[in-house]
N, C-alpha and C. Protein backbone atom coordinates (compact mmCIF):
# COMPACT_ATOMS: atom_id res chain seq x y z
N MET A 1 6.31 -4.37 39.95
CA MET A 1 6.44 -3.93 38.59
C MET A 1 7.73 -3.12 38.48
N SER A 2 8.54 -3.46 37.50
CA SER A 2 9.80 -2.74 37.34
C SER A 2 9.59 -1.44 36.59
N GLU A 3 10.44 -0.49 36.87
CA GLU A 3 10.36 0.80 36.21
C GLU A 3 11.22 0.77 34.95
N PHE A 4 10.89 1.66 34.02
CA PHE A 4 11.71 1.78 32.84
C PHE A 4 13.04 2.38 33.23
N PRO A 5 14.12 1.91 32.63
CA PRO A 5 15.42 2.50 32.95
C PRO A 5 15.50 3.93 32.45
N HIS A 6 16.28 4.72 33.12
CA HIS A 6 16.48 6.11 32.73
C HIS A 6 17.58 6.16 31.66
N PHE A 7 17.30 6.83 30.56
CA PHE A 7 18.29 6.97 29.50
C PHE A 7 18.62 8.44 29.34
N ASP A 8 19.91 8.75 29.31
CA ASP A 8 20.33 10.12 29.09
C ASP A 8 20.09 10.55 27.64
N ASN A 9 20.11 9.60 26.74
CA ASN A 9 19.97 9.90 25.32
C ASN A 9 18.62 9.43 24.80
N ALA A 10 17.55 9.71 25.53
CA ALA A 10 16.22 9.23 25.15
C ALA A 10 15.81 9.72 23.77
N LYS A 11 16.07 10.98 23.45
CA LYS A 11 15.70 11.51 22.14
C LYS A 11 16.43 10.77 21.02
N LEU A 12 17.69 10.49 21.24
CA LEU A 12 18.49 9.77 20.26
C LEU A 12 17.94 8.35 20.06
N MET A 13 17.57 7.71 21.15
CA MET A 13 17.03 6.35 21.07
C MET A 13 15.68 6.33 20.36
N ILE A 14 14.85 7.32 20.64
CA ILE A 14 13.55 7.40 19.97
C ILE A 14 13.74 7.63 18.48
N ALA A 15 14.64 8.51 18.11
CA ALA A 15 14.92 8.78 16.70
C ALA A 15 15.45 7.53 16.00
N ALA A 16 16.34 6.82 16.66
CA ALA A 16 16.89 5.59 16.08
C ALA A 16 15.80 4.53 15.92
N SER A 17 14.92 4.43 16.90
CA SER A 17 13.83 3.47 16.82
C SER A 17 12.87 3.82 15.68
N ALA A 18 12.55 5.10 15.55
CA ALA A 18 11.67 5.54 14.47
C ALA A 18 12.30 5.26 13.11
N ARG A 19 13.60 5.52 12.99
CA ARG A 19 14.31 5.25 11.73
C ARG A 19 14.30 3.75 11.42
N HIS A 20 14.51 2.94 12.42
CA HIS A 20 14.50 1.49 12.24
C HIS A 20 13.13 1.03 11.75
N CYS A 21 12.08 1.54 12.36
CA CYS A 21 10.71 1.17 11.95
C CYS A 21 10.45 1.61 10.51
N ARG A 22 10.85 2.83 10.16
CA ARG A 22 10.64 3.33 8.80
C ARG A 22 11.37 2.48 7.78
N ILE A 23 12.63 2.14 8.06
CA ILE A 23 13.40 1.31 7.13
C ILE A 23 12.78 -0.08 7.00
N THR A 24 12.34 -0.64 8.11
CA THR A 24 11.71 -1.96 8.07
C THR A 24 10.45 -1.94 7.21
N ILE A 25 9.62 -0.94 7.40
CA ILE A 25 8.38 -0.83 6.62
C ILE A 25 8.68 -0.63 5.14
N GLU A 26 9.67 0.20 4.84
CA GLU A 26 10.03 0.45 3.44
C GLU A 26 10.55 -0.80 2.75
N GLU A 27 11.13 -1.73 3.50
CA GLU A 27 11.71 -2.93 2.91
C GLU A 27 10.73 -4.10 2.83
N LEU A 28 9.57 -3.98 3.46
CA LEU A 28 8.60 -5.07 3.43
C LEU A 28 8.02 -5.23 2.03
N PRO A 29 7.69 -6.45 1.63
CA PRO A 29 7.11 -6.66 0.30
C PRO A 29 5.61 -6.39 0.28
N VAL A 30 5.21 -5.29 0.92
CA VAL A 30 3.79 -4.93 0.99
C VAL A 30 3.65 -3.50 0.52
N GLY A 31 2.73 -3.28 -0.41
CA GLY A 31 2.45 -1.93 -0.87
C GLY A 31 1.15 -1.43 -0.28
N GLN A 32 1.05 -0.14 -0.13
CA GLN A 32 -0.16 0.49 0.38
C GLN A 32 -0.61 1.53 -0.63
N ILE A 33 -1.83 1.34 -1.14
CA ILE A 33 -2.38 2.28 -2.11
C ILE A 33 -3.74 2.73 -1.60
N VAL A 34 -3.94 4.03 -1.52
CA VAL A 34 -5.24 4.58 -1.13
C VAL A 34 -5.94 5.01 -2.41
N VAL A 35 -7.18 4.51 -2.59
CA VAL A 35 -7.96 4.85 -3.78
C VAL A 35 -9.31 5.43 -3.35
N ASP A 36 -9.92 6.17 -4.26
CA ASP A 36 -11.27 6.66 -3.98
C ASP A 36 -12.28 5.60 -4.44
N GLU A 37 -13.56 5.93 -4.39
CA GLU A 37 -14.59 4.93 -4.66
C GLU A 37 -14.63 4.46 -6.12
N VAL A 38 -14.00 5.19 -7.03
CA VAL A 38 -13.94 4.74 -8.42
C VAL A 38 -12.58 4.16 -8.78
N GLY A 39 -11.69 4.04 -7.78
CA GLY A 39 -10.41 3.39 -8.00
C GLY A 39 -9.28 4.29 -8.43
N THR A 40 -9.45 5.60 -8.33
CA THR A 40 -8.37 6.53 -8.67
C THR A 40 -7.40 6.59 -7.50
N ILE A 41 -6.12 6.43 -7.79
CA ILE A 41 -5.10 6.44 -6.74
C ILE A 41 -5.00 7.83 -6.12
N GLN A 42 -5.19 7.88 -4.80
CA GLN A 42 -5.07 9.12 -4.04
C GLN A 42 -3.68 9.24 -3.44
N SER A 43 -3.12 8.11 -3.00
CA SER A 43 -1.75 8.08 -2.50
C SER A 43 -1.21 6.67 -2.62
N ILE A 44 0.10 6.59 -2.67
CA ILE A 44 0.78 5.30 -2.83
C ILE A 44 2.11 5.40 -2.09
N ASP A 45 2.51 4.31 -1.45
CA ASP A 45 3.78 4.38 -0.73
C ASP A 45 4.95 4.44 -1.71
N VAL A 46 6.02 5.06 -1.27
CA VAL A 46 7.18 5.34 -2.13
C VAL A 46 7.80 4.07 -2.71
N SER A 47 7.96 3.02 -1.90
CA SER A 47 8.63 1.82 -2.40
C SER A 47 7.80 1.13 -3.49
N THR A 48 6.48 1.13 -3.36
CA THR A 48 5.63 0.53 -4.39
C THR A 48 5.67 1.38 -5.66
N GLU A 49 5.63 2.68 -5.48
CA GLU A 49 5.70 3.58 -6.63
C GLU A 49 7.00 3.36 -7.40
N LYS A 50 8.11 3.23 -6.67
CA LYS A 50 9.40 2.98 -7.32
C LYS A 50 9.43 1.62 -7.99
N ALA A 51 8.93 0.58 -7.31
CA ALA A 51 8.93 -0.77 -7.88
C ALA A 51 8.14 -0.83 -9.18
N LEU A 52 7.07 -0.05 -9.25
CA LEU A 52 6.22 -0.06 -10.44
C LEU A 52 6.68 0.95 -11.49
N GLY A 53 7.71 1.74 -11.16
CA GLY A 53 8.31 2.66 -12.13
C GLY A 53 7.59 3.98 -12.29
N PHE A 54 6.77 4.36 -11.34
CA PHE A 54 6.06 5.63 -11.43
C PHE A 54 6.82 6.73 -10.73
N GLU A 55 6.69 7.94 -11.26
CA GLU A 55 7.20 9.10 -10.55
C GLU A 55 6.10 9.72 -9.72
N ASN A 56 4.88 9.66 -10.22
CA ASN A 56 3.72 10.15 -9.48
C ASN A 56 2.50 9.39 -9.97
N ALA A 57 2.08 8.40 -9.19
CA ALA A 57 0.97 7.55 -9.60
C ALA A 57 -0.39 8.11 -9.20
N CYS A 58 -0.42 9.19 -8.44
CA CYS A 58 -1.70 9.78 -8.03
C CYS A 58 -2.48 10.21 -9.26
N GLY A 59 -3.76 9.89 -9.27
CA GLY A 59 -4.62 10.24 -10.38
C GLY A 59 -4.82 9.11 -11.38
N ILE A 60 -3.98 8.08 -11.31
CA ILE A 60 -4.11 6.93 -12.21
C ILE A 60 -5.14 5.97 -11.64
N ARG A 61 -5.92 5.35 -12.49
CA ARG A 61 -6.87 4.33 -12.04
C ARG A 61 -6.08 3.07 -11.68
N VAL A 62 -6.31 2.53 -10.49
CA VAL A 62 -5.57 1.36 -10.04
C VAL A 62 -5.86 0.16 -10.94
N SER A 63 -7.00 0.13 -11.59
CA SER A 63 -7.31 -0.98 -12.49
C SER A 63 -6.36 -1.03 -13.68
N GLU A 64 -5.70 0.10 -14.00
CA GLU A 64 -4.71 0.11 -15.08
C GLU A 64 -3.46 -0.68 -14.70
N LEU A 65 -3.22 -0.87 -13.40
CA LEU A 65 -2.06 -1.62 -12.94
C LEU A 65 -2.34 -3.12 -12.87
N LEU A 66 -3.62 -3.49 -12.80
CA LEU A 66 -3.99 -4.88 -12.60
C LEU A 66 -4.23 -5.56 -13.94
N LEU A 67 -3.49 -6.63 -14.19
CA LEU A 67 -3.64 -7.33 -15.46
C LEU A 67 -4.97 -8.06 -15.56
N GLU A 68 -5.53 -8.43 -14.43
CA GLU A 68 -6.80 -9.15 -14.42
C GLU A 68 -7.85 -8.31 -13.70
N ALA A 69 -7.89 -7.01 -14.03
CA ALA A 69 -8.77 -6.08 -13.33
C ALA A 69 -10.23 -6.47 -13.44
N ASP A 70 -10.62 -7.00 -14.59
CA ASP A 70 -12.03 -7.36 -14.77
C ASP A 70 -12.46 -8.47 -13.84
N LYS A 71 -11.51 -9.26 -13.33
CA LYS A 71 -11.85 -10.35 -12.41
C LYS A 71 -12.07 -9.87 -10.99
N CYS A 72 -11.28 -8.88 -10.55
CA CYS A 72 -11.34 -8.53 -9.14
C CYS A 72 -11.76 -7.10 -8.85
N PHE A 73 -11.59 -6.20 -9.80
CA PHE A 73 -11.83 -4.80 -9.47
C PHE A 73 -13.25 -4.39 -9.83
N PRO A 74 -14.03 -4.00 -8.83
CA PRO A 74 -15.42 -3.59 -9.10
C PRO A 74 -15.48 -2.23 -9.80
N GLN A 75 -16.57 -1.97 -10.49
CA GLN A 75 -16.75 -0.68 -11.16
C GLN A 75 -16.73 0.47 -10.16
N LYS A 76 -17.36 0.26 -9.01
CA LYS A 76 -17.37 1.28 -7.97
C LYS A 76 -17.14 0.58 -6.64
N LEU A 77 -16.21 1.09 -5.87
CA LEU A 77 -15.91 0.48 -4.58
C LEU A 77 -16.96 0.85 -3.55
N SER A 78 -17.27 -0.09 -2.69
CA SER A 78 -18.18 0.15 -1.58
C SER A 78 -17.78 -0.78 -0.45
N LEU A 79 -18.42 -0.64 0.68
CA LEU A 79 -18.10 -1.51 1.82
C LEU A 79 -18.38 -2.97 1.49
N ALA A 80 -19.24 -3.23 0.51
CA ALA A 80 -19.53 -4.61 0.10
C ALA A 80 -18.34 -5.25 -0.61
N ASN A 81 -17.40 -4.42 -1.08
CA ASN A 81 -16.26 -4.94 -1.84
C ASN A 81 -15.00 -5.14 -1.00
N VAL A 82 -15.06 -4.86 0.31
CA VAL A 82 -13.85 -5.00 1.11
C VAL A 82 -13.55 -6.47 1.35
N GLY A 83 -12.29 -6.73 1.64
CA GLY A 83 -11.86 -8.09 1.92
C GLY A 83 -10.72 -8.51 1.02
N ASP A 84 -10.47 -9.78 1.00
CA ASP A 84 -9.38 -10.37 0.23
C ASP A 84 -9.82 -10.51 -1.23
N TRP A 85 -9.15 -9.82 -2.13
CA TRP A 85 -9.48 -9.90 -3.54
C TRP A 85 -8.72 -11.03 -4.22
N GLY A 86 -7.86 -11.71 -3.49
CA GLY A 86 -7.13 -12.83 -4.04
C GLY A 86 -5.89 -12.42 -4.82
N SER A 87 -5.36 -13.36 -5.56
CA SER A 87 -4.13 -13.14 -6.32
C SER A 87 -4.42 -12.40 -7.61
N ASN A 88 -3.47 -11.58 -7.99
CA ASN A 88 -3.58 -10.82 -9.22
C ASN A 88 -2.18 -10.55 -9.72
N LYS A 89 -2.08 -10.12 -10.95
CA LYS A 89 -0.79 -9.69 -11.50
C LYS A 89 -0.84 -8.19 -11.70
N ILE A 90 0.21 -7.55 -11.23
CA ILE A 90 0.34 -6.10 -11.36
C ILE A 90 1.48 -5.84 -12.33
N HIS A 91 1.30 -4.86 -13.21
CA HIS A 91 2.39 -4.57 -14.13
C HIS A 91 2.93 -3.18 -13.91
N SER A 92 4.22 -3.05 -14.18
CA SER A 92 4.92 -1.79 -13.98
C SER A 92 4.87 -0.98 -15.27
N VAL A 93 5.39 0.24 -15.19
CA VAL A 93 5.47 1.11 -16.36
C VAL A 93 6.30 0.44 -17.45
N GLU A 94 7.36 -0.26 -17.04
CA GLU A 94 8.25 -0.92 -18.01
C GLU A 94 7.69 -2.25 -18.51
N GLY A 95 6.52 -2.66 -18.04
CA GLY A 95 5.91 -3.91 -18.48
C GLY A 95 6.28 -5.11 -17.63
N LYS A 96 7.03 -4.90 -16.58
CA LYS A 96 7.40 -5.99 -15.67
C LYS A 96 6.17 -6.42 -14.87
N GLU A 97 5.99 -7.73 -14.71
CA GLU A 97 4.84 -8.24 -13.97
C GLU A 97 5.23 -8.68 -12.56
N PHE A 98 4.35 -8.40 -11.61
CA PHE A 98 4.52 -8.81 -10.23
C PHE A 98 3.30 -9.63 -9.81
N ALA A 99 3.53 -10.77 -9.20
CA ALA A 99 2.43 -11.52 -8.60
C ALA A 99 2.14 -10.88 -7.25
N ALA A 100 0.86 -10.71 -6.95
CA ALA A 100 0.51 -10.05 -5.69
C ALA A 100 -0.87 -10.50 -5.22
N ARG A 101 -1.06 -10.42 -3.93
CA ARG A 101 -2.37 -10.65 -3.32
C ARG A 101 -2.87 -9.29 -2.87
N ILE A 102 -4.14 -9.02 -3.11
CA ILE A 102 -4.70 -7.71 -2.82
C ILE A 102 -5.78 -7.83 -1.76
N VAL A 103 -5.67 -7.00 -0.74
CA VAL A 103 -6.67 -6.95 0.33
C VAL A 103 -7.18 -5.51 0.41
N CYS A 104 -8.49 -5.35 0.39
CA CYS A 104 -9.11 -4.02 0.42
C CYS A 104 -9.82 -3.81 1.75
N VAL A 105 -9.54 -2.67 2.38
CA VAL A 105 -10.22 -2.30 3.62
C VAL A 105 -10.68 -0.85 3.50
N PRO A 106 -11.68 -0.44 4.29
CA PRO A 106 -12.09 0.97 4.25
C PRO A 106 -10.93 1.89 4.61
N GLY A 107 -10.87 3.02 3.94
CA GLY A 107 -9.80 3.99 4.20
C GLY A 107 -10.11 4.87 5.40
N ALA A 108 -9.15 5.71 5.72
CA ALA A 108 -9.29 6.60 6.87
C ALA A 108 -10.27 7.74 6.60
N HIS A 109 -10.43 8.10 5.34
CA HIS A 109 -11.33 9.19 4.96
C HIS A 109 -12.57 8.61 4.28
N PRO A 110 -13.69 9.31 4.35
CA PRO A 110 -14.91 8.82 3.70
C PRO A 110 -14.69 8.57 2.20
N LYS A 111 -15.28 7.52 1.71
CA LYS A 111 -15.23 7.15 0.29
C LYS A 111 -13.82 6.86 -0.20
N THR A 112 -12.94 6.42 0.71
CA THR A 112 -11.61 5.96 0.30
C THR A 112 -11.41 4.54 0.79
N PHE A 113 -10.51 3.84 0.13
CA PHE A 113 -10.21 2.45 0.46
C PHE A 113 -8.71 2.26 0.42
N LEU A 114 -8.23 1.43 1.32
CA LEU A 114 -6.81 1.11 1.39
C LEU A 114 -6.61 -0.27 0.77
N LEU A 115 -5.79 -0.33 -0.25
CA LEU A 115 -5.45 -1.59 -0.87
C LEU A 115 -4.06 -1.99 -0.38
N SER A 116 -3.99 -3.12 0.30
CA SER A 116 -2.69 -3.67 0.70
C SER A 116 -2.29 -4.65 -0.38
N ILE A 117 -1.13 -4.42 -0.96
CA ILE A 117 -0.62 -5.25 -2.02
C ILE A 117 0.53 -6.06 -1.45
N VAL A 118 0.34 -7.38 -1.33
CA VAL A 118 1.38 -8.24 -0.79
C VAL A 118 2.07 -8.91 -1.99
N PHE A 119 3.28 -8.44 -2.26
CA PHE A 119 4.02 -8.97 -3.40
C PHE A 119 4.55 -10.36 -3.07
N GLY A 120 4.49 -11.25 -4.04
CA GLY A 120 4.93 -12.60 -3.76
C GLY A 120 5.68 -13.20 -4.82
C-alpha cells in the first residue's frame, strides 16, 4: 500500500479543495430547501434563493413557489410523503418559470424535510 505524499502546503491544498467543492456545488442546477411539516421554508441555498429572486425566503410556504402545488404538495408533510414528487414548475418573484423535478427526503432535524430541486 502506498503512502500519501507529504505536502508542505497541506493547509493551502485543503483550502483550495474546499473552495473548489463549494464553487462546484453552488454552480450545480440543484436547489436545496429545508421545510417544516407544513411546508414553511426553514432554509434555502443561496443560489436557489438568488435564482428565484428572494432576499430571504425563510418563512414563506414552499407551495407558493410551486405552480402546480395542489398536484404534488401535501397539506402536511410526513414520512409517507417522501420520495420523488415528479416534475413541477417553480416561479420566481419576477414571475419567471423554471421546470424542475422535486425529491423529498426526511430532514436532519425532527419534523423537517429536505426538498432537492433539480432544475431542468
